[in-house]
Protein backbone atom coordinates (compact mmCIF):
# COMPACT_ATOMS: atom_id res chain seq x y z
CA UNK A 1 122.10 -33.01 260.26
CA UNK A 2 118.87 -31.35 258.99
CA UNK A 3 120.87 -28.21 258.17
CA UNK A 4 123.39 -30.26 256.18
CA UNK A 5 120.59 -31.94 254.24
CA UNK A 6 119.00 -28.55 253.53
CA UNK A 7 122.30 -27.17 252.24
CA UNK A 8 122.74 -30.18 249.99
CA UNK A 9 119.24 -29.71 248.58
CA UNK A 10 120.04 -26.06 247.81
CA UNK A 11 123.39 -26.94 246.24
CA UNK A 12 121.83 -29.53 243.93
CA UNK A 13 118.87 -27.19 243.26
CA UNK A 14 116.22 -29.75 244.15
CA UNK A 15 113.43 -27.17 244.39
CA UNK A 16 114.22 -25.48 241.07
CA UNK A 17 114.53 -28.83 239.30
CA UNK A 18 111.43 -30.32 240.92
CA UNK A 19 113.17 -33.35 242.38
CA UNK A 20 113.86 -34.99 245.75
CA UNK A 21 116.19 -37.48 247.44
CA UNK A 22 114.11 -40.56 246.67
CA UNK A 23 113.82 -39.71 242.99
CA UNK A 24 117.51 -38.91 242.63
CA UNK A 25 118.61 -42.11 244.35
CA UNK A 26 116.26 -44.21 242.20
CA UNK A 27 117.55 -42.45 239.07
CA UNK A 28 121.16 -43.09 240.08
CA UNK A 29 120.51 -46.79 240.67
CA UNK A 30 118.73 -46.99 237.30
CA UNK A 31 121.64 -45.40 235.44
CA UNK A 32 124.13 -47.65 237.22
CA UNK A 33 122.21 -50.84 236.39
CA UNK A 34 121.93 -49.76 232.76
CA UNK A 35 125.66 -49.13 232.29
CA UNK A 36 127.24 -51.49 234.84
CA UNK A 37 128.02 -53.98 232.07
CA UNK A 38 131.19 -51.92 231.54
CA UNK A 39 132.62 -53.47 234.73
CA UNK A 40 132.74 -56.81 232.88
CA UNK A 41 133.14 -55.75 229.26
CA UNK A 42 135.97 -53.20 229.55
CA UNK A 43 138.42 -55.67 231.17
CA UNK A 44 137.46 -58.32 228.60
CA UNK A 45 138.46 -55.95 225.78
CA UNK A 46 141.62 -54.54 227.35
CA UNK A 47 142.95 -57.96 228.34
CA UNK A 48 143.29 -58.64 224.60
CA UNK A 49 145.93 -55.89 224.71
CA UNK A 50 147.83 -57.89 227.31
CA UNK A 51 146.61 -55.91 230.33
CA UNK A 52 145.97 -57.70 233.65
CA UNK A 53 142.23 -58.37 233.91
CA UNK A 54 141.73 -57.74 237.62
CA UNK A 55 143.86 -54.59 237.51
CA UNK A 56 141.76 -53.23 234.64
CA UNK A 57 138.60 -54.16 236.55
CA UNK A 58 139.69 -52.14 239.56
CA UNK A 59 140.77 -49.26 237.31
CA UNK A 60 137.41 -49.34 235.51
CA UNK A 61 135.43 -49.08 238.75
CA UNK A 62 137.75 -46.42 240.18
CA UNK A 63 137.71 -44.24 237.05
CA UNK A 64 133.93 -44.53 236.65
CA UNK A 65 133.41 -43.77 240.32
CA UNK A 66 135.69 -40.72 240.30
CA UNK A 67 134.34 -39.37 237.01
CA UNK A 68 130.70 -39.72 238.02
CA UNK A 69 131.34 -38.14 241.42
CA UNK A 70 133.09 -35.17 239.78
CA UNK A 71 130.27 -34.73 237.28
CA UNK A 72 127.70 -34.79 240.07
CA UNK A 73 129.51 -32.72 242.68
CA UNK A 74 131.31 -30.16 240.48
CA UNK A 75 129.23 -29.86 237.30
CA UNK A 76 125.94 -30.89 238.99
CA UNK A 77 124.55 -32.80 235.99
CA UNK A 78 122.84 -36.24 236.10
CA UNK A 79 125.43 -37.69 233.72
CA UNK A 80 127.56 -40.72 234.57
CA UNK A 81 131.08 -41.35 233.27
CA UNK A 82 133.04 -44.56 232.65
CA UNK A 83 135.66 -45.94 230.22
CA UNK A 84 134.11 -45.55 226.78
CA UNK A 85 132.92 -48.33 224.52
CA UNK A 86 134.44 -48.06 221.07
CA UNK A 87 137.44 -46.09 222.20
CA UNK A 88 138.51 -49.09 224.32
CA UNK A 89 138.27 -51.24 221.18
CA UNK A 90 140.37 -48.69 219.29
CA UNK A 91 142.90 -48.79 222.14
CA UNK A 92 143.17 -52.58 221.97
CA UNK A 93 142.63 -53.65 218.38
CA UNK A 94 144.00 -50.67 216.44
CA UNK A 95 146.68 -49.15 218.66
CA UNK A 96 148.07 -52.12 220.61
CA UNK A 97 147.39 -55.13 218.38
CA UNK A 98 147.26 -53.35 215.01
CA UNK A 99 150.15 -50.90 215.42
CA UNK A 100 152.20 -52.92 217.88
CA UNK A 101 152.20 -50.16 220.51
CA UNK A 102 152.78 -51.45 224.08
CA UNK A 103 149.73 -50.98 226.28
CA UNK A 104 151.79 -48.88 228.66
CA UNK A 105 152.55 -46.43 225.85
CA UNK A 106 148.91 -46.44 224.75
CA UNK A 107 147.93 -45.48 228.30
CA UNK A 108 150.46 -42.67 228.05
CA UNK A 109 148.61 -41.43 224.97
CA UNK A 110 145.32 -41.50 226.90
CA UNK A 111 146.94 -39.43 229.66
CA UNK A 112 148.32 -36.88 227.19
CA UNK A 113 144.93 -36.60 225.49
CA UNK A 114 143.35 -35.94 228.90
CA UNK A 115 145.82 -33.14 229.60
CA UNK A 116 145.11 -31.71 226.13
CA UNK A 117 141.39 -31.91 226.91
CA UNK A 118 141.89 -29.92 230.11
CA UNK A 119 144.10 -27.28 228.46
CA UNK A 120 141.66 -26.72 225.59
CA UNK A 121 138.82 -26.47 228.10
CA UNK A 122 140.69 -23.82 230.07
CA UNK A 123 141.36 -21.92 226.83
CA UNK A 124 137.70 -22.11 225.74
CA UNK A 125 138.56 -23.87 222.48
CA UNK A 126 136.41 -26.98 222.93
CA UNK A 127 132.99 -25.39 222.44
CA UNK A 128 134.22 -23.55 219.31
CA UNK A 129 135.33 -26.85 217.81
CA UNK A 130 132.00 -28.50 218.57
CA UNK A 131 130.07 -25.67 216.90
CA UNK A 132 132.31 -25.87 213.82
CA UNK A 133 131.74 -29.54 213.03
CA UNK A 134 128.45 -30.55 211.38
CA UNK A 135 126.05 -32.68 213.40
CA UNK A 136 125.89 -35.18 210.54
CA UNK A 137 129.55 -36.13 210.88
CA UNK A 138 129.21 -36.30 214.65
CA UNK A 139 126.31 -38.75 214.26
CA UNK A 140 128.21 -40.74 211.64
CA UNK A 141 131.16 -41.20 214.00
CA UNK A 142 128.84 -42.54 216.73
CA UNK A 143 127.15 -44.93 214.29
CA UNK A 144 130.49 -46.02 212.83
CA UNK A 145 131.83 -46.83 216.28
CA UNK A 146 128.64 -48.83 216.87
CA UNK A 147 129.32 -50.92 213.75
CA UNK A 148 132.95 -51.29 214.88
CA UNK A 149 131.81 -52.67 218.25
CA UNK A 150 129.30 -55.02 216.64
CA UNK A 151 131.95 -56.38 214.25
CA UNK A 152 134.35 -57.03 217.14
CA UNK A 153 131.56 -58.72 219.11
CA UNK A 154 130.66 -60.95 216.17
CA UNK A 155 134.30 -61.89 215.65
CA UNK A 156 134.77 -62.67 219.34
CA UNK A 157 131.64 -64.82 219.22
CA UNK A 158 132.74 -66.66 216.09
CA UNK A 159 129.67 -65.47 214.18
CA UNK A 160 131.91 -63.71 211.64
CA UNK A 161 135.31 -65.19 210.73
CA UNK A 162 138.13 -64.33 208.33
CA UNK A 163 138.08 -65.66 204.75
CA UNK A 164 140.90 -65.67 202.19
CA UNK A 165 138.67 -64.71 199.25
CA UNK A 166 135.82 -62.62 200.67
CA UNK A 167 137.78 -61.23 203.65
CA UNK A 168 134.97 -62.23 206.04
CA UNK A 169 132.27 -64.88 206.08
CA UNK A 170 129.77 -66.57 208.38
CA UNK A 171 131.37 -68.76 211.04
CA UNK A 172 130.34 -72.18 212.34
CA UNK A 173 127.14 -71.43 214.21
CA UNK A 174 127.11 -74.91 215.78
CA UNK A 175 130.20 -74.26 217.92
CA UNK A 176 129.27 -74.22 221.64
CA UNK A 177 130.82 -70.78 222.24
CA UNK A 178 129.04 -69.29 219.21
CA UNK A 179 125.69 -70.78 220.22
CA UNK A 180 126.21 -69.39 223.71
CA UNK A 181 126.93 -65.93 222.31
CA UNK A 182 123.81 -66.05 220.11
CA UNK A 183 121.80 -67.00 223.19
CA UNK A 184 123.24 -63.94 224.93
CA UNK A 185 122.26 -61.63 222.04
CA UNK A 186 118.68 -62.93 222.06
CA UNK A 187 118.42 -62.71 225.85
CA UNK A 188 119.82 -59.17 226.11
CA UNK A 189 117.71 -58.07 223.16
CA UNK A 190 114.54 -59.47 224.71
CA UNK A 191 115.25 -57.93 228.11
CA UNK A 192 116.02 -54.58 226.46
CA UNK A 193 112.75 -54.74 224.53
CA UNK A 194 110.92 -55.31 227.82
CA UNK A 195 112.62 -52.24 229.28
CA UNK A 196 114.68 -54.12 231.88
CA UNK A 197 117.30 -51.62 233.12
CA UNK A 198 119.90 -54.27 233.98
CA UNK A 199 119.47 -56.12 230.66
CA UNK A 200 123.18 -56.12 229.83
CA UNK A 201 124.34 -57.33 233.23
CA UNK A 202 121.64 -60.02 233.47
CA UNK A 203 122.48 -61.21 229.96
CA UNK A 204 126.20 -61.44 230.72
CA UNK A 205 125.65 -63.30 234.02
CA UNK A 206 123.04 -65.74 232.65
CA UNK A 207 125.19 -66.49 229.60
CA UNK A 208 128.17 -67.11 231.86
CA UNK A 209 126.17 -69.56 233.99
CA UNK A 210 124.93 -71.32 230.85
CA UNK A 211 128.56 -71.70 229.73
CA UNK A 212 129.57 -73.66 232.86
CA UNK A 213 128.29 -77.08 231.69
CA UNK A 214 129.85 -76.41 228.28
CA UNK A 215 133.29 -76.04 229.86
CA UNK A 216 133.60 -72.42 228.72
CA UNK A 217 133.92 -70.94 232.22
CA UNK A 218 137.19 -71.27 234.09
CA UNK A 219 136.44 -70.77 237.79
CA UNK A 220 139.37 -69.48 239.85
CA UNK A 221 137.91 -67.72 242.89
CA UNK A 222 139.99 -65.01 244.53
CA UNK A 223 139.71 -62.37 247.19
CA UNK A 224 139.38 -58.64 246.71
CA UNK A 225 142.46 -56.54 247.27
CA UNK A 226 142.83 -52.86 246.40
CA UNK A 227 146.44 -53.71 245.58
CA UNK A 228 145.25 -55.46 242.41
CA UNK A 229 145.24 -52.04 240.74
CA UNK A 230 149.04 -51.95 241.08
CA UNK A 231 149.23 -54.23 238.05
CA UNK A 232 148.09 -51.35 235.83
CA UNK A 233 148.30 -48.18 237.94
CA UNK A 234 151.08 -45.75 237.04
CA UNK A 235 152.42 -48.17 234.41
CA UNK A 236 151.81 -45.66 231.60
CA UNK A 237 154.66 -44.54 229.34
CA UNK A 238 154.13 -40.82 228.71
CA UNK A 239 157.50 -40.33 227.01
CA UNK A 240 156.72 -42.94 224.39
CA UNK A 241 153.32 -41.42 223.77
CA UNK A 242 154.84 -38.03 222.99
CA UNK A 243 156.80 -39.44 220.04
CA UNK A 244 155.71 -38.25 216.58
CA UNK A 245 154.17 -41.57 215.62
CA UNK A 246 151.60 -41.39 218.41
CA UNK A 247 150.33 -37.86 217.84
CA UNK A 248 147.48 -39.22 215.75
CA UNK A 249 146.49 -41.64 218.53
CA UNK A 250 146.43 -38.80 221.06
CA UNK A 251 144.25 -36.81 218.66
CA UNK A 252 141.74 -39.65 218.25
CA UNK A 253 141.48 -40.23 222.01
CA UNK A 254 140.88 -36.51 222.53
CA UNK A 255 138.47 -36.16 219.60
CA UNK A 256 136.26 -39.10 220.51
CA UNK A 257 136.23 -38.06 224.17
CA UNK A 258 135.10 -34.55 223.24
CA UNK A 259 132.24 -35.69 221.02
CA UNK A 260 131.09 -38.49 223.29
CA UNK A 261 130.92 -35.94 226.08
CA UNK A 262 129.13 -33.19 224.19
CA UNK A 263 126.82 -35.57 222.33
CA UNK A 264 125.70 -37.23 225.55
CA UNK A 265 125.39 -33.88 227.30
CA UNK A 266 123.11 -32.45 224.60
CA UNK A 267 120.98 -35.60 224.37
CA UNK A 268 120.55 -36.05 228.13
CA UNK A 269 120.30 -32.32 228.86
CA UNK A 270 117.51 -31.82 226.35
CA UNK A 271 115.63 -34.86 227.64
CA UNK A 272 115.84 -33.48 231.19
CA UNK A 273 115.14 -29.91 229.97
CA UNK A 274 118.22 -28.63 231.77
CA UNK A 275 118.93 -25.98 229.12
CA UNK A 276 117.12 -24.37 226.20
CA UNK A 277 119.94 -24.46 223.62
CA UNK A 278 123.14 -26.49 223.18
CA UNK A 279 124.81 -23.18 222.37
CA UNK A 280 124.19 -21.97 225.92
CA UNK A 281 124.87 -24.80 228.33
CA UNK A 282 125.23 -23.79 231.99
CA UNK A 283 128.50 -24.84 233.67
CA UNK A 284 129.90 -26.26 230.42
CA UNK A 285 133.47 -25.62 231.58
CA UNK A 286 132.86 -27.69 234.72
CA UNK A 287 131.37 -30.51 232.67
CA UNK A 288 134.42 -30.68 230.41
CA UNK A 289 136.71 -30.33 233.43
CA UNK A 290 135.11 -33.37 235.10
CA UNK A 291 135.53 -35.43 231.95
CA UNK A 292 139.13 -34.34 231.40
CA UNK A 293 140.15 -35.12 234.97
CA UNK A 294 138.42 -38.51 234.79
CA UNK A 295 140.26 -39.49 231.59
CA UNK A 296 143.59 -38.35 232.99
CA UNK A 297 143.01 -40.21 236.26
CA UNK A 298 141.74 -43.25 234.33
CA UNK A 299 145.03 -43.46 232.46
CA UNK A 300 146.90 -43.29 235.77
CA UNK A 301 144.69 -46.04 237.20
CA UNK A 302 145.14 -48.21 234.10
CA UNK A 303 142.19 -47.93 231.72
CA UNK A 304 141.31 -46.35 228.39
CA UNK A 305 139.58 -42.99 227.86
CA UNK A 306 136.67 -42.12 230.18
CA UNK A 307 133.60 -40.61 228.52
CA UNK A 308 130.04 -39.55 229.34
CA UNK A 309 127.51 -42.38 228.96
CA UNK A 310 124.33 -42.06 226.94
CA UNK A 311 122.84 -44.63 229.35
CA UNK A 312 122.48 -41.64 231.69
CA UNK A 313 119.24 -41.00 229.78
CA UNK A 314 117.76 -44.00 231.61
CA UNK A 315 118.26 -42.23 234.93
CA UNK A 316 116.77 -39.04 233.54
CA UNK A 317 113.76 -41.02 232.34
CA UNK A 318 113.42 -42.29 235.92
CA UNK A 319 113.22 -38.67 237.13
CA UNK A 320 116.86 -37.76 237.75
CA UNK A 321 117.53 -34.06 237.28
CA UNK A 322 120.38 -33.03 239.54
CA UNK A 323 124.02 -33.93 240.00
CA UNK A 324 123.09 -36.18 242.92
CA UNK A 325 122.01 -38.80 240.37
CA UNK A 326 125.61 -38.97 239.16
CA UNK A 327 126.87 -39.02 242.76
CA UNK A 328 124.81 -42.16 243.41
CA UNK A 329 126.26 -43.78 240.28
CA UNK A 330 129.78 -42.90 241.40
CA UNK A 331 129.28 -44.43 244.84
CA UNK A 332 127.84 -47.64 243.33
CA UNK A 333 130.84 -47.99 240.99
CA UNK A 334 133.20 -47.65 243.95
CA UNK A 335 131.23 -50.31 245.82
CA UNK A 336 131.57 -52.54 242.73
CA UNK A 337 135.30 -52.80 243.42
CA UNK A 338 134.45 -55.80 245.60
CA UNK A 339 133.38 -57.90 242.59
CA UNK A 340 136.50 -57.39 240.46
CA UNK A 341 137.95 -60.85 241.32
CA UNK A 342 134.99 -62.37 239.43
CA UNK A 343 135.68 -60.51 236.19
CA UNK A 344 138.20 -63.05 234.90
CA UNK A 345 135.55 -65.77 235.15
CA UNK A 346 133.37 -64.16 232.45
CA UNK A 347 134.07 -65.86 229.07
CA UNK A 348 134.35 -63.94 225.80
CA UNK A 349 131.16 -65.62 224.60
CA UNK A 350 129.29 -63.85 227.40
CA UNK A 351 130.64 -60.35 226.77
CA UNK A 352 130.48 -60.50 222.95
CA UNK A 353 126.65 -60.20 222.96
CA UNK A 354 126.89 -56.96 224.94
CA UNK A 355 129.20 -55.49 222.27
CA UNK A 356 126.76 -56.47 219.53
CA UNK A 357 123.71 -55.01 221.30
CA UNK A 358 125.53 -51.79 222.31
CA UNK A 359 126.61 -51.44 218.68
CA UNK A 360 123.02 -51.73 217.50
CA UNK A 361 121.90 -49.07 219.96
CA UNK A 362 124.65 -46.67 218.85
CA UNK A 363 123.55 -47.06 215.24
CA UNK A 364 120.37 -45.11 216.03
CA UNK A 365 122.47 -41.95 215.59
CA UNK A 366 122.01 -42.24 211.79
CA UNK A 367 118.58 -40.65 212.24
CA UNK A 368 120.32 -37.33 212.84
CA UNK A 369 122.07 -37.38 209.44
CA UNK A 370 120.60 -35.28 206.61
CA UNK A 371 120.72 -38.03 203.99
CA UNK A 372 118.90 -35.89 201.41
CA UNK A 373 121.90 -33.52 201.30
CA UNK A 374 124.71 -35.29 199.37
CA UNK A 375 127.34 -32.94 200.82
CA UNK A 376 126.51 -34.36 204.25
CA UNK A 377 125.06 -37.80 203.47
CA UNK A 378 128.01 -39.04 201.41
CA UNK A 379 130.73 -38.00 203.92
CA UNK A 380 128.61 -39.46 206.71
CA UNK A 381 128.25 -42.74 204.85
CA UNK A 382 131.98 -42.90 204.15
CA UNK A 383 132.69 -42.23 207.82
CA UNK A 384 130.38 -44.84 209.33
CA UNK A 385 131.45 -47.55 206.86
CA UNK A 386 135.18 -46.84 206.88
CA UNK A 387 135.50 -47.03 210.67
CA UNK A 388 134.57 -50.75 210.93
CA UNK A 389 135.97 -51.81 207.55
CA UNK A 390 139.38 -50.22 208.17
CA UNK A 391 139.30 -51.19 211.86
CA UNK A 392 140.21 -47.58 212.61
CA UNK A 393 138.19 -44.71 214.05
CA UNK A 394 140.94 -42.36 212.90
CA UNK A 395 140.64 -43.44 209.26
CA UNK A 396 136.87 -43.03 209.32
CA UNK A 397 137.18 -39.54 210.80
CA UNK A 398 139.78 -38.55 208.23
CA UNK A 399 137.86 -39.84 205.21
CA UNK A 400 134.65 -38.17 206.40
CA UNK A 401 136.23 -34.78 207.05
CA UNK A 402 138.09 -34.70 203.74
CA UNK A 403 134.99 -35.74 201.77
CA UNK A 404 132.82 -33.19 203.57
CA UNK A 405 135.18 -30.30 202.92
CA UNK A 406 135.77 -31.19 199.25
CA UNK A 407 132.07 -31.63 198.48
CA UNK A 408 131.13 -28.37 200.19
CA UNK A 409 133.83 -26.48 198.29
CA UNK A 410 132.90 -28.05 194.94
CA UNK A 411 129.26 -27.19 195.59
CA UNK A 412 130.20 -23.57 196.12
CA UNK A 413 129.56 -23.57 199.85
CA UNK A 414 133.13 -22.93 200.89
CA UNK A 415 132.14 -19.87 202.92
CA UNK A 416 129.88 -21.99 205.13
CA UNK A 417 132.84 -24.02 206.37
CA UNK A 418 134.61 -22.91 209.53
CA UNK A 419 138.35 -22.34 209.45
CA UNK A 420 138.61 -25.02 212.13
CA UNK A 421 137.14 -27.59 209.73
CA UNK A 422 139.64 -26.50 207.06
CA UNK A 423 142.42 -26.89 209.62
CA UNK A 424 141.30 -30.36 210.66
CA UNK A 425 140.92 -31.40 207.02
CA UNK A 426 144.47 -30.24 206.32
CA UNK A 427 145.75 -32.28 209.26
CA UNK A 428 143.93 -35.35 208.00
CA UNK A 429 145.44 -34.89 204.51
CA UNK A 430 148.89 -34.64 206.08
CA UNK A 431 148.11 -37.84 207.98
CA UNK A 432 147.47 -39.79 204.79
CA UNK A 433 150.51 -38.24 203.15
CA UNK A 434 152.61 -39.33 206.15
CA UNK A 435 151.17 -42.84 206.13
CA UNK A 436 151.85 -43.10 202.40
CA UNK A 437 155.44 -41.98 202.75
CA UNK A 438 156.06 -44.55 205.52
CA UNK A 439 154.45 -47.39 203.61
């Protein structure tokens, strides 16, 4: 046993990283508590697409557990993975509800995007793409997705409602469900301000309990069965996803996955001082491999795209430095499978506040945008506003890329643009041309 422990310490480079078992376990628990809200929120979003809640809950825990274990054991980074916020909203509200795509086909698109992710990783294309795209647009996409999440949360809470003249307006704030959601926002915000790691989970649970006397919680206790995953597992339609009309969806799933992964990696890696430059990241291929496998497996299990979580920074702040931090997170997600029967009890009014608060946190990415440079600031602004207003991450990406390329060219900086950016811009122009020709 001592020899096994010693080998594990060498494998995870405890001595070189200045860490130990106690610190790594504490860091893993911290990261898990910070991001465990996804166990409740992801099923609440995907059920709007018609997916079975308990099945999605099991798939969420399984995908997060597998992804985090792979990141810890193979890539050896303290970064946790789980179904991504924002991309799950795109899956439900844009692809399934907006475009009328069956959720089985949408899962097929997630699977195809995961395979594409793995192939491009093996070919070494991913890092070249990341270097080619300006950081300002990357930050704008993150902020735009944050606004998208906040808008969905406010709509689910009844804070913002549709209006025939102004498109949207303020809802009836005296409705019990809306008041409950506002209570949740205040509670989660206060706990976050006090630095409580489990702020999201506590907020969701307390809001749920407060909703019981209001008649907003429908209690239907059940027992845990691994077989619940059969409601979503292997139900994906890969053939439908490969049709021409879904190529754009596959692209968005892949694109957001890539930038969530790399953005989180750079942010967390710098905070932990795991590398000196984002241009030279040790074991980058393994990192991308872990993410690609997790997304592919997640689609097979029955959930939307799996990404790296910026909440991993909480574990790093607690001292986590090695991959064992992610291993601890993975094990805790697998243990969370036992609570999936309770997920259906959580009302929308209790999960909506989490969407709003997560959206506000994601908006902090705007600090990375060079607003003083119009060739970056204007495309970034168009990106982060178009995503929520068009209810489409794809449209925001397209508008931002086209504006960036045109402004750079008109400013005489056409030589500073990578051929990959020109290629992506051309694809986005063809997208709008195709959408126009199909009405």
